[in-house]
mmCIF file of all heavy atoms, coordinates in Angstrom:
data_MODEL
# 
_entry.id   MODEL 
# 
loop_
_atom_site.group_PDB 
_atom_site.id 
_atom_site.type_symbol 
_atom_site.label_atom_id 
_atom_site.label_alt_id 
_atom_site.label_comp_id 
_atom_site.label_asym_id 
_atom_site.label_entity_id 
_atom_site.label_seq_id 
_atom_site.pdbx_PDB_ins_code 
_atom_site.Cartn_x 
_atom_site.Cartn_y 
_atom_site.Cartn_z 
_atom_site.occupancy 
_atom_site.B_iso_or_equiv 
_atom_site.pdbx_formal_charge 
_atom_site.auth_seq_id 
_atom_site.auth_comp_id 
_atom_site.auth_asym_id 
_atom_site.auth_atom_id 
_atom_site.pdbx_PDB_model_num 
ATOM 1   N N   . ASP A 1 1  ? 0.829  -1.205 0.000   1.00 0.00 ? 1  ASP A N   1 
ATOM 2   C CA  . ASP A 1 1  ? 0.000  0.000  0.000   1.00 0.00 ? 1  ASP A CA  1 
ATOM 3   C C   . ASP A 1 1  ? 0.864  1.255  0.000   1.00 0.00 ? 1  ASP A C   1 
ATOM 4   O O   . ASP A 1 1  ? 1.882  1.313  0.694   1.00 0.00 ? 1  ASP A O   1 
ATOM 5   C CB  . ASP A 1 1  ? -0.900 0.031  1.241   1.00 0.00 ? 1  ASP A CB  1 
ATOM 6   C CG  . ASP A 1 1  ? -2.014 -1.003 1.173   1.00 0.00 ? 1  ASP A CG  1 
ATOM 7   O OD1 . ASP A 1 1  ? -2.531 -1.246 0.073   1.00 0.00 ? 1  ASP A OD1 1 
ATOM 8   O OD2 . ASP A 1 1  ? -2.362 -1.565 2.229   1.00 0.00 ? 1  ASP A OD2 1 
ATOM 9   N N   . TYR A 1 2  ? 0.425  2.248  -0.764  1.00 0.00 ? 2  TYR A N   1 
ATOM 10  C CA  . TYR A 1 2  ? 1.088  3.547  -0.809  1.00 0.00 ? 2  TYR A CA  1 
ATOM 11  C C   . TYR A 1 2  ? 0.044  4.620  -0.545  1.00 0.00 ? 2  TYR A C   1 
ATOM 12  O O   . TYR A 1 2  ? -1.066 4.546  -1.074  1.00 0.00 ? 2  TYR A O   1 
ATOM 13  C CB  . TYR A 1 2  ? 1.739  3.787  -2.178  1.00 0.00 ? 2  TYR A CB  1 
ATOM 14  C CG  . TYR A 1 2  ? 2.929  2.895  -2.431  1.00 0.00 ? 2  TYR A CG  1 
ATOM 15  C CD1 . TYR A 1 2  ? 2.795  1.706  -3.134  1.00 0.00 ? 2  TYR A CD1 1 
ATOM 16  C CD2 . TYR A 1 2  ? 4.185  3.244  -1.963  1.00 0.00 ? 2  TYR A CD2 1 
ATOM 17  C CE1 . TYR A 1 2  ? 3.890  0.885  -3.350  1.00 0.00 ? 2  TYR A CE1 1 
ATOM 18  C CE2 . TYR A 1 2  ? 5.286  2.428  -2.176  1.00 0.00 ? 2  TYR A CE2 1 
ATOM 19  C CZ  . TYR A 1 2  ? 5.125  1.259  -2.872  1.00 0.00 ? 2  TYR A CZ  1 
ATOM 20  O OH  . TYR A 1 2  ? 6.215  0.446  -3.086  1.00 0.00 ? 2  TYR A OH  1 
ATOM 21  N N   . ASP A 1 3  ? 0.423  5.611  0.244   1.00 0.00 ? 3  ASP A N   1 
ATOM 22  C CA  . ASP A 1 3  ? -0.472 6.732  0.505   1.00 0.00 ? 3  ASP A CA  1 
ATOM 23  C C   . ASP A 1 3  ? -0.543 7.685  -0.678  1.00 0.00 ? 3  ASP A C   1 
ATOM 24  O O   . ASP A 1 3  ? -1.549 8.366  -0.872  1.00 0.00 ? 3  ASP A O   1 
ATOM 25  C CB  . ASP A 1 3  ? -0.024 7.511  1.748   1.00 0.00 ? 3  ASP A CB  1 
ATOM 26  C CG  . ASP A 1 3  ? -0.182 6.705  3.026   1.00 0.00 ? 3  ASP A CG  1 
ATOM 27  O OD1 . ASP A 1 3  ? -1.062 5.825  3.086   1.00 0.00 ? 3  ASP A OD1 1 
ATOM 28  O OD2 . ASP A 1 3  ? 0.602  6.952  3.973   1.00 0.00 ? 3  ASP A OD2 1 
ATOM 29  N N   . ASN A 1 4  ? 0.545  7.728  -1.465  1.00 0.00 ? 4  ASN A N   1 
ATOM 30  C CA  . ASN A 1 4  ? 0.576  8.654  -2.594  1.00 0.00 ? 4  ASN A CA  1 
ATOM 31  C C   . ASN A 1 4  ? 1.647  8.210  -3.584  1.00 0.00 ? 4  ASN A C   1 
ATOM 32  O O   . ASN A 1 4  ? 2.453  7.318  -3.298  1.00 0.00 ? 4  ASN A O   1 
ATOM 33  C CB  . ASN A 1 4  ? 0.817  10.094 -2.119  1.00 0.00 ? 4  ASN A CB  1 
ATOM 34  C CG  . ASN A 1 4  ? 2.046  10.195 -1.250  1.00 0.00 ? 4  ASN A CG  1 
ATOM 35  O OD1 . ASN A 1 4  ? 3.122  9.714  -1.598  1.00 0.00 ? 4  ASN A OD1 1 
ATOM 36  N ND2 . ASN A 1 4  ? 1.891  10.825 -0.084  1.00 0.00 ? 4  ASN A ND2 1 
ATOM 37  N N   . LEU A 1 5  ? 1.672  8.868  -4.722  1.00 0.00 ? 5  LEU A N   1 
ATOM 38  C CA  . LEU A 1 5  ? 2.611  8.535  -5.783  1.00 0.00 ? 5  LEU A CA  1 
ATOM 39  C C   . LEU A 1 5  ? 4.053  8.830  -5.361  1.00 0.00 ? 5  LEU A C   1 
ATOM 40  O O   . LEU A 1 5  ? 4.971  8.119  -5.752  1.00 0.00 ? 5  LEU A O   1 
ATOM 41  C CB  . LEU A 1 5  ? 2.257  9.293  -7.066  1.00 0.00 ? 5  LEU A CB  1 
ATOM 42  C CG  . LEU A 1 5  ? 3.088  8.977  -8.302  1.00 0.00 ? 5  LEU A CG  1 
ATOM 43  C CD1 . LEU A 1 5  ? 2.983  7.497  -8.685  1.00 0.00 ? 5  LEU A CD1 1 
ATOM 44  C CD2 . LEU A 1 5  ? 2.669  9.865  -9.472  1.00 0.00 ? 5  LEU A CD2 1 
ATOM 45  N N   . THR A 1 6  ? 4.259  9.843  -4.546  1.00 0.00 ? 6  THR A N   1 
ATOM 46  C CA  . THR A 1 6  ? 5.607  10.188 -4.086  1.00 0.00 ? 6  THR A CA  1 
ATOM 47  C C   . THR A 1 6  ? 6.248  9.027  -3.325  1.00 0.00 ? 6  THR A C   1 
ATOM 48  O O   . THR A 1 6  ? 7.427  8.719  -3.529  1.00 0.00 ? 6  THR A O   1 
ATOM 49  C CB  . THR A 1 6  ? 5.567  11.456 -3.207  1.00 0.00 ? 6  THR A CB  1 
ATOM 50  O OG1 . THR A 1 6  ? 5.017  12.526 -3.980  1.00 0.00 ? 6  THR A OG1 1 
ATOM 51  C CG2 . THR A 1 6  ? 6.952  11.841 -2.715  1.00 0.00 ? 6  THR A CG2 1 
ATOM 52  N N   . GLN A 1 7  ? 5.496  8.365  -2.469  1.00 0.00 ? 7  GLN A N   1 
ATOM 53  C CA  . GLN A 1 7  ? 6.023  7.200  -1.738  1.00 0.00 ? 7  GLN A CA  1 
ATOM 54  C C   . GLN A 1 7  ? 6.426  6.102  -2.707  1.00 0.00 ? 7  GLN A C   1 
ATOM 55  O O   . GLN A 1 7  ? 7.473  5.473  -2.551  1.00 0.00 ? 7  GLN A O   1 
ATOM 56  C CB  . GLN A 1 7  ? 4.985  6.649  -0.759  1.00 0.00 ? 7  GLN A CB  1 
ATOM 57  C CG  . GLN A 1 7  ? 4.794  7.463  0.482   1.00 0.00 ? 7  GLN A CG  1 
ATOM 58  C CD  . GLN A 1 7  ? 3.765  6.811  1.401   1.00 0.00 ? 7  GLN A CD  1 
ATOM 59  O OE1 . GLN A 1 7  ? 2.986  5.942  0.988   1.00 0.00 ? 7  GLN A OE1 1 
ATOM 60  N NE2 . GLN A 1 7  ? 3.741  7.251  2.648   1.00 0.00 ? 7  GLN A NE2 1 
ATOM 61  N N   . PHE A 1 8  ? 5.597  5.865  -3.699  1.00 0.00 ? 8  PHE A N   1 
ATOM 62  C CA  . PHE A 1 8  ? 5.886  4.850  -4.712  1.00 0.00 ? 8  PHE A CA  1 
ATOM 63  C C   . PHE A 1 8  ? 7.179  5.193  -5.452  1.00 0.00 ? 8  PHE A C   1 
ATOM 64  O O   . PHE A 1 8  ? 8.055  4.356  -5.622  1.00 0.00 ? 8  PHE A O   1 
ATOM 65  C CB  . PHE A 1 8  ? 4.703  4.765  -5.690  1.00 0.00 ? 8  PHE A CB  1 
ATOM 66  C CG  . PHE A 1 8  ? 4.876  3.767  -6.792  1.00 0.00 ? 8  PHE A CG  1 
ATOM 67  C CD1 . PHE A 1 8  ? 4.575  2.428  -6.593  1.00 0.00 ? 8  PHE A CD1 1 
ATOM 68  C CD2 . PHE A 1 8  ? 5.324  4.163  -8.049  1.00 0.00 ? 8  PHE A CD2 1 
ATOM 69  C CE1 . PHE A 1 8  ? 4.718  1.502  -7.620  1.00 0.00 ? 8  PHE A CE1 1 
ATOM 70  C CE2 . PHE A 1 8  ? 5.473  3.252  -9.076  1.00 0.00 ? 8  PHE A CE2 1 
ATOM 71  C CZ  . PHE A 1 8  ? 5.168  1.915  -8.858  1.00 0.00 ? 8  PHE A CZ  1 
ATOM 72  N N   . ILE A 1 9  ? 7.292  6.455  -5.871  1.00 0.00 ? 9  ILE A N   1 
ATOM 73  C CA  . ILE A 1 9  ? 8.483  6.908  -6.599  1.00 0.00 ? 9  ILE A CA  1 
ATOM 74  C C   . ILE A 1 9  ? 9.730  6.731  -5.743  1.00 0.00 ? 9  ILE A C   1 
ATOM 75  O O   . ILE A 1 9  ? 10.771 6.273  -6.224  1.00 0.00 ? 9  ILE A O   1 
ATOM 76  C CB  . ILE A 1 9  ? 8.315  8.370  -7.056  1.00 0.00 ? 9  ILE A CB  1 
ATOM 77  C CG1 . ILE A 1 9  ? 7.293  8.443  -8.200  1.00 0.00 ? 9  ILE A CG1 1 
ATOM 78  C CG2 . ILE A 1 9  ? 9.646  8.981  -7.479  1.00 0.00 ? 9  ILE A CG2 1 
ATOM 79  C CD1 . ILE A 1 9  ? 6.854  9.842  -8.559  1.00 0.00 ? 9  ILE A CD1 1 
ATOM 80  N N   . ASN A 1 10 ? 9.645  7.076  -4.468  1.00 0.00 ? 10 ASN A N   1 
ATOM 81  C CA  . ASN A 1 10 ? 10.801 6.922  -3.581  1.00 0.00 ? 10 ASN A CA  1 
ATOM 82  C C   . ASN A 1 10 ? 11.252 5.470  -3.497  1.00 0.00 ? 10 ASN A C   1 
ATOM 83  O O   . ASN A 1 10 ? 12.443 5.196  -3.373  1.00 0.00 ? 10 ASN A O   1 
ATOM 84  C CB  . ASN A 1 10 ? 10.493 7.473  -2.192  1.00 0.00 ? 10 ASN A CB  1 
ATOM 85  C CG  . ASN A 1 10 ? 10.416 8.979  -2.180  1.00 0.00 ? 10 ASN A CG  1 
ATOM 86  O OD1 . ASN A 1 10 ? 10.961 9.658  -3.052  1.00 0.00 ? 10 ASN A OD1 1 
ATOM 87  N ND2 . ASN A 1 10 ? 9.712  9.530  -1.209  1.00 0.00 ? 10 ASN A ND2 1 
ATOM 88  N N   . ASP A 1 11 ? 10.321 4.534  -3.573  1.00 0.00 ? 11 ASP A N   1 
ATOM 89  C CA  . ASP A 1 11 ? 10.667 3.107  -3.560  1.00 0.00 ? 11 ASP A CA  1 
ATOM 90  C C   . ASP A 1 11 ? 11.351 2.664  -4.857  1.00 0.00 ? 11 ASP A C   1 
ATOM 91  O O   . ASP A 1 11 ? 12.054 1.658  -4.874  1.00 0.00 ? 11 ASP A O   1 
ATOM 92  C CB  . ASP A 1 11 ? 9.424  2.243  -3.330  1.00 0.00 ? 11 ASP A CB  1 
ATOM 93  C CG  . ASP A 1 11 ? 9.165  1.955  -1.866  1.00 0.00 ? 11 ASP A CG  1 
ATOM 94  O OD1 . ASP A 1 11 ? 9.926  2.452  -1.007  1.00 0.00 ? 11 ASP A OD1 1 
ATOM 95  O OD2 . ASP A 1 11 ? 8.189  1.231  -1.578  1.00 0.00 ? 11 ASP A OD2 1 
ATOM 96  N N   . LEU A 1 12 ? 11.136 3.396  -5.942  1.00 0.00 ? 12 LEU A N   1 
ATOM 97  C CA  . LEU A 1 12 ? 11.730 3.026  -7.230  1.00 0.00 ? 12 LEU A CA  1 
ATOM 98  C C   . LEU A 1 12 ? 13.218 3.363  -7.331  1.00 0.00 ? 12 LEU A C   1 
ATOM 99  O O   . LEU A 1 12 ? 13.954 2.704  -8.074  1.00 0.00 ? 12 LEU A O   1 
ATOM 100 C CB  . LEU A 1 12 ? 11.006 3.751  -8.373  1.00 0.00 ? 12 LEU A CB  1 
ATOM 101 C CG  . LEU A 1 12 ? 9.569  3.351  -8.670  1.00 0.00 ? 12 LEU A CG  1 
ATOM 102 C CD1 . LEU A 1 12 ? 8.986  4.291  -9.726  1.00 0.00 ? 12 LEU A CD1 1 
ATOM 103 C CD2 . LEU A 1 12 ? 9.483  1.911  -9.114  1.00 0.00 ? 12 LEU A CD2 1 
ATOM 104 N N   . ILE A 1 13 ? 13.657 4.371  -6.600  1.00 0.00 ? 13 ILE A N   1 
ATOM 105 C CA  . ILE A 1 13 ? 15.022 4.875  -6.742  1.00 0.00 ? 13 ILE A CA  1 
ATOM 106 C C   . ILE A 1 13 ? 16.041 3.774  -6.430  1.00 0.00 ? 13 ILE A C   1 
ATOM 107 O O   . ILE A 1 13 ? 15.923 3.067  -5.441  1.00 0.00 ? 13 ILE A O   1 
ATOM 108 C CB  . ILE A 1 13 ? 15.253 6.116  -5.851  1.00 0.00 ? 13 ILE A CB  1 
ATOM 109 C CG1 . ILE A 1 13 ? 14.246 7.210  -6.187  1.00 0.00 ? 13 ILE A CG1 1 
ATOM 110 C CG2 . ILE A 1 13 ? 16.690 6.626  -5.964  1.00 0.00 ? 13 ILE A CG2 1 
ATOM 111 C CD1 . ILE A 1 13 ? 14.231 7.675  -7.633  1.00 0.00 ? 13 ILE A CD1 1 
ATOM 112 N N   . ASN A 1 14 ? 17.034 3.643  -7.310  1.00 0.00 ? 14 ASN A N   1 
ATOM 113 C CA  . ASN A 1 14 ? 18.123 2.655  -7.247  1.00 0.00 ? 14 ASN A CA  1 
ATOM 114 C C   . ASN A 1 14 ? 17.672 1.218  -7.489  1.00 0.00 ? 14 ASN A C   1 
ATOM 115 O O   . ASN A 1 14 ? 18.445 0.287  -7.265  1.00 0.00 ? 14 ASN A O   1 
ATOM 116 C CB  . ASN A 1 14 ? 18.897 2.751  -5.931  1.00 0.00 ? 14 ASN A CB  1 
ATOM 117 C CG  . ASN A 1 14 ? 19.752 3.988  -5.886  1.00 0.00 ? 14 ASN A CG  1 
ATOM 118 O OD1 . ASN A 1 14 ? 20.272 4.423  -6.902  1.00 0.00 ? 14 ASN A OD1 1 
ATOM 119 N ND2 . ASN A 1 14 ? 19.876 4.569  -4.707  1.00 0.00 ? 14 ASN A ND2 1 
ATOM 120 N N   . LYS A 1 15 ? 16.459 1.027  -7.975  1.00 0.00 ? 15 LYS A N   1 
ATOM 121 C CA  . LYS A 1 15 ? 16.012 -0.322 -8.315  1.00 0.00 ? 15 LYS A CA  1 
ATOM 122 C C   . LYS A 1 15 ? 16.491 -0.656 -9.725  1.00 0.00 ? 15 LYS A C   1 
ATOM 123 O O   . LYS A 1 15 ? 16.456 0.180  -10.627 1.00 0.00 ? 15 LYS A O   1 
ATOM 124 C CB  . LYS A 1 15 ? 14.476 -0.430 -8.257  1.00 0.00 ? 15 LYS A CB  1 
ATOM 125 C CG  . LYS A 1 15 ? 13.888 -0.245 -6.878  1.00 0.00 ? 15 LYS A CG  1 
ATOM 126 C CD  . LYS A 1 15 ? 14.255 -1.354 -5.948  1.00 0.00 ? 15 LYS A CD  1 
ATOM 127 C CE  . LYS A 1 15 ? 13.522 -1.328 -4.646  1.00 0.00 ? 15 LYS A CE  1 
ATOM 128 N NZ  . LYS A 1 15 ? 13.935 -0.353 -3.678  1.00 0.00 ? 15 LYS A NZ  1 
ATOM 129 N N   . PRO A 1 16 ? 16.949 -1.892 -9.929  1.00 0.00 ? 16 PRO A N   1 
ATOM 130 C CA  . PRO A 1 16 ? 17.437 -2.286 -11.251 1.00 0.00 ? 16 PRO A CA  1 
ATOM 131 C C   . PRO A 1 16 ? 16.300 -2.660 -12.190 1.00 0.00 ? 16 PRO A C   1 
ATOM 132 O O   . PRO A 1 16 ? 15.293 -3.236 -11.766 1.00 0.00 ? 16 PRO A O   1 
ATOM 133 C CB  . PRO A 1 16 ? 18.302 -3.508 -10.945 1.00 0.00 ? 16 PRO A CB  1 
ATOM 134 C CG  . PRO A 1 16 ? 17.656 -4.109 -9.740  1.00 0.00 ? 16 PRO A CG  1 
ATOM 135 C CD  . PRO A 1 16 ? 17.127 -2.947 -8.935  1.00 0.00 ? 16 PRO A CD  1 
ATOM 136 N N   . VAL A 1 17 ? 16.459 -2.328 -13.448 1.00 0.00 ? 17 VAL A N   1 
ATOM 137 C CA  . VAL A 1 17 ? 15.513 -2.694 -14.506 1.00 0.00 ? 17 VAL A CA  1 
ATOM 138 C C   . VAL A 1 17 ? 16.312 -2.935 -15.790 1.00 0.00 ? 17 VAL A C   1 
ATOM 139 O O   . VAL A 1 17 ? 17.468 -2.552 -15.891 1.00 0.00 ? 17 VAL A O   1 
ATOM 140 C CB  . VAL A 1 17 ? 14.451 -1.601 -14.760 1.00 0.00 ? 17 VAL A CB  1 
ATOM 141 C CG1 . VAL A 1 17 ? 13.511 -1.439 -13.586 1.00 0.00 ? 17 VAL A CG1 1 
ATOM 142 C CG2 . VAL A 1 17 ? 15.091 -0.273 -15.106 1.00 0.00 ? 17 VAL A CG2 1 
ATOM 143 N N   . ARG A 1 18 ? 15.664 -3.576 -16.747 1.00 0.00 ? 18 ARG A N   1 
ATOM 144 C CA  . ARG A 1 18 ? 16.258 -3.765 -18.074 1.00 0.00 ? 18 ARG A CA  1 
ATOM 145 C C   . ARG A 1 18 ? 15.428 -2.959 -19.065 1.00 0.00 ? 18 ARG A C   1 
ATOM 146 O O   . ARG A 1 18 ? 14.224 -3.164 -19.203 1.00 0.00 ? 18 ARG A O   1 
ATOM 147 C CB  . ARG A 1 18 ? 16.269 -5.244 -18.457 1.00 0.00 ? 18 ARG A CB  1 
ATOM 148 C CG  . ARG A 1 18 ? 16.947 -5.532 -19.786 1.00 0.00 ? 18 ARG A CG  1 
ATOM 149 C CD  . ARG A 1 18 ? 17.143 -7.037 -20.029 1.00 0.00 ? 18 ARG A CD  1 
ATOM 150 N NE  . ARG A 1 18 ? 16.131 -7.869 -19.417 1.00 0.00 ? 18 ARG A NE  1 
ATOM 151 C CZ  . ARG A 1 18 ? 15.045 -8.337 -20.041 1.00 0.00 ? 18 ARG A CZ  1 
ATOM 152 N NH1 . ARG A 1 18 ? 14.851 -8.071 -21.305 1.00 0.00 ? 18 ARG A NH1 1 
ATOM 153 N NH2 . ARG A 1 18 ? 14.186 -9.093 -19.404 1.00 0.00 ? 18 ARG A NH2 1 
ATOM 154 N N   . ILE A 1 19 ? 16.084 -2.042 -19.741 1.00 0.00 ? 19 ILE A N   1 
ATOM 155 C CA  . ILE A 1 19 ? 15.421 -1.158 -20.693 1.00 0.00 ? 19 ILE A CA  1 
ATOM 156 C C   . ILE A 1 19 ? 15.674 -1.673 -22.105 1.00 0.00 ? 19 ILE A C   1 
ATOM 157 O O   . ILE A 1 19 ? 16.815 -1.960 -22.468 1.00 0.00 ? 19 ILE A O   1 
ATOM 158 C CB  . ILE A 1 19 ? 15.983 0.278  -20.581 1.00 0.00 ? 19 ILE A CB  1 
ATOM 159 C CG1 . ILE A 1 19 ? 15.787 0.839  -19.182 1.00 0.00 ? 19 ILE A CG1 1 
ATOM 160 C CG2 . ILE A 1 19 ? 15.384 1.202  -21.644 1.00 0.00 ? 19 ILE A CG2 1 
ATOM 161 C CD1 . ILE A 1 19 ? 14.356 0.957  -18.761 1.00 0.00 ? 19 ILE A CD1 1 
ATOM 162 N N   . THR A 1 20 ? 14.621 -1.794 -22.888 1.00 0.00 ? 20 THR A N   1 
ATOM 163 C CA  . THR A 1 20 ? 14.770 -2.066 -24.314 1.00 0.00 ? 20 THR A CA  1 
ATOM 164 C C   . THR A 1 20 ? 14.606 -0.737 -25.025 1.00 0.00 ? 20 THR A C   1 
ATOM 165 O O   . THR A 1 20 ? 13.558 -0.100 -24.963 1.00 0.00 ? 20 THR A O   1 
ATOM 166 C CB  . THR A 1 20 ? 13.724 -3.086 -24.804 1.00 0.00 ? 20 THR A CB  1 
ATOM 167 O OG1 . THR A 1 20 ? 13.898 -4.298 -24.072 1.00 0.00 ? 20 THR A OG1 1 
ATOM 168 C CG2 . THR A 1 20 ? 13.878 -3.356 -26.289 1.00 0.00 ? 20 THR A CG2 1 
ATOM 169 N N   . LEU A 1 21 ? 15.687 -0.325 -25.665 1.00 0.00 ? 21 LEU A N   1 
ATOM 170 C CA  . LEU A 1 21 ? 15.725 0.969  -26.331 1.00 0.00 ? 21 LEU A CA  1 
ATOM 171 C C   . LEU A 1 21 ? 15.441 0.796  -27.809 1.00 0.00 ? 21 LEU A C   1 
ATOM 172 O O   . LEU A 1 21 ? 15.924 -0.142 -28.443 1.00 0.00 ? 21 LEU A O   1 
ATOM 173 C CB  . LEU A 1 21 ? 17.121 1.589  -26.130 1.00 0.00 ? 21 LEU A CB  1 
ATOM 174 C CG  . LEU A 1 21 ? 17.274 3.064  -26.426 1.00 0.00 ? 21 LEU A CG  1 
ATOM 175 C CD1 . LEU A 1 21 ? 16.421 3.895  -25.474 1.00 0.00 ? 21 LEU A CD1 1 
ATOM 176 C CD2 . LEU A 1 21 ? 18.728 3.465  -26.295 1.00 0.00 ? 21 LEU A CD2 1 
ATOM 177 N N   . ASN A 1 22 ? 14.656 1.699  -28.353 1.00 0.00 ? 22 ASN A N   1 
ATOM 178 C CA  . ASN A 1 22 ? 14.313 1.720  -29.765 1.00 0.00 ? 22 ASN A CA  1 
ATOM 179 C C   . ASN A 1 22 ? 14.633 3.117  -30.291 1.00 0.00 ? 22 ASN A C   1 
ATOM 180 O O   . ASN A 1 22 ? 15.044 3.988  -29.529 1.00 0.00 ? 22 ASN A O   1 
ATOM 181 C CB  . ASN A 1 22 ? 12.824 1.384  -29.941 1.00 0.00 ? 22 ASN A CB  1 
ATOM 182 C CG  . ASN A 1 22 ? 12.504 0.852  -31.307 1.00 0.00 ? 22 ASN A CG  1 
ATOM 183 O OD1 . ASN A 1 22 ? 13.378 0.600  -32.124 1.00 0.00 ? 22 ASN A OD1 1 
ATOM 184 N ND2 . ASN A 1 22 ? 11.217 0.671  -31.577 1.00 0.00 ? 22 ASN A ND2 1 
ATOM 185 N N   . HIS A 1 23 ? 14.445 3.349  -31.551 1.00 0.00 ? 23 HIS A N   1 
ATOM 186 C CA  . HIS A 1 23 ? 14.604 4.668  -32.153 1.00 0.00 ? 23 HIS A CA  1 
ATOM 187 C C   . HIS A 1 23 ? 13.295 5.080  -32.792 1.00 0.00 ? 23 HIS A C   1 
ATOM 188 O O   . HIS A 1 23 ? 12.513 4.234  -33.232 1.00 0.00 ? 23 HIS A O   1 
ATOM 189 C CB  . HIS A 1 23 ? 15.692 4.667  -33.225 1.00 0.00 ? 23 HIS A CB  1 
ATOM 190 C CG  . HIS A 1 23 ? 17.053 4.434  -32.687 1.00 0.00 ? 23 HIS A CG  1 
ATOM 191 N ND1 . HIS A 1 23 ? 18.104 4.090  -33.485 1.00 0.00 ? 23 HIS A ND1 1 
ATOM 192 C CD2 . HIS A 1 23 ? 17.562 4.494  -31.426 1.00 0.00 ? 23 HIS A CD2 1 
ATOM 193 C CE1 . HIS A 1 23 ? 19.201 3.946  -32.755 1.00 0.00 ? 23 HIS A CE1 1 
ATOM 194 N NE2 . HIS A 1 23 ? 18.890 4.188  -31.507 1.00 0.00 ? 23 HIS A NE2 1 
ATOM 195 N N   . ARG A 1 24 ? 13.077 6.397  -32.839 1.00 0.00 ? 24 ARG A N   1 
ATOM 196 C CA  . ARG A 1 24 ? 11.904 6.928  -33.536 1.00 0.00 ? 24 ARG A CA  1 
ATOM 197 C C   . ARG A 1 24 ? 12.292 8.219  -34.221 1.00 0.00 ? 24 ARG A C   1 
ATOM 198 O O   . ARG A 1 24 ? 13.242 8.886  -33.821 1.00 0.00 ? 24 ARG A O   1 
ATOM 199 C CB  . ARG A 1 24 ? 10.745 7.153  -32.577 1.00 0.00 ? 24 ARG A CB  1 
ATOM 200 C CG  . ARG A 1 24 ? 10.956 8.309  -31.630 1.00 0.00 ? 24 ARG A CG  1 
ATOM 201 C CD  . ARG A 1 24 ? 9.756  8.507  -30.721 1.00 0.00 ? 24 ARG A CD  1 
ATOM 202 N NE  . ARG A 1 24 ? 10.045 9.588  -29.793 1.00 0.00 ? 24 ARG A NE  1 
ATOM 203 C CZ  . ARG A 1 24 ? 9.273  10.635 -29.620 1.00 0.00 ? 24 ARG A CZ  1 
ATOM 204 N NH1 . ARG A 1 24 ? 8.150  10.751 -30.296 1.00 0.00 ? 24 ARG A NH1 1 
ATOM 205 N NH2 . ARG A 1 24 ? 9.605  11.582 -28.771 1.00 0.00 ? 24 ARG A NH2 1 
ATOM 206 N N   . GLU A 1 25 ? 11.564 8.557  -35.262 1.00 0.00 ? 25 GLU A N   1 
ATOM 207 C CA  . GLU A 1 25 ? 11.784 9.807  -35.978 1.00 0.00 ? 25 GLU A CA  1 
ATOM 208 C C   . GLU A 1 25 ? 10.829 10.861 -35.426 1.00 0.00 ? 25 GLU A C   1 
ATOM 209 O O   . GLU A 1 25 ? 9.640  10.606 -35.251 1.00 0.00 ? 25 GLU A O   1 
ATOM 210 C CB  . GLU A 1 25 ? 11.525 9.611  -37.479 1.00 0.00 ? 25 GLU A CB  1 
ATOM 211 C CG  . GLU A 1 25 ? 12.506 8.684  -38.156 1.00 0.00 ? 25 GLU A CG  1 
ATOM 212 C CD  . GLU A 1 25 ? 13.928 9.213  -38.156 1.00 0.00 ? 25 GLU A CD  1 
ATOM 213 O OE1 . GLU A 1 25 ? 14.137 10.428 -38.358 1.00 0.00 ? 25 GLU A OE1 1 
ATOM 214 O OE2 . GLU A 1 25 ? 14.843 8.392  -37.940 1.00 0.00 ? 25 GLU A OE2 1 
# 
């Protein structure tokens, strides 16, 4: 449970993820 989006965002910091990068015009 999160009281707000800010709490959620704070939990995201320094978490690892894998990004698939693409290109667009």
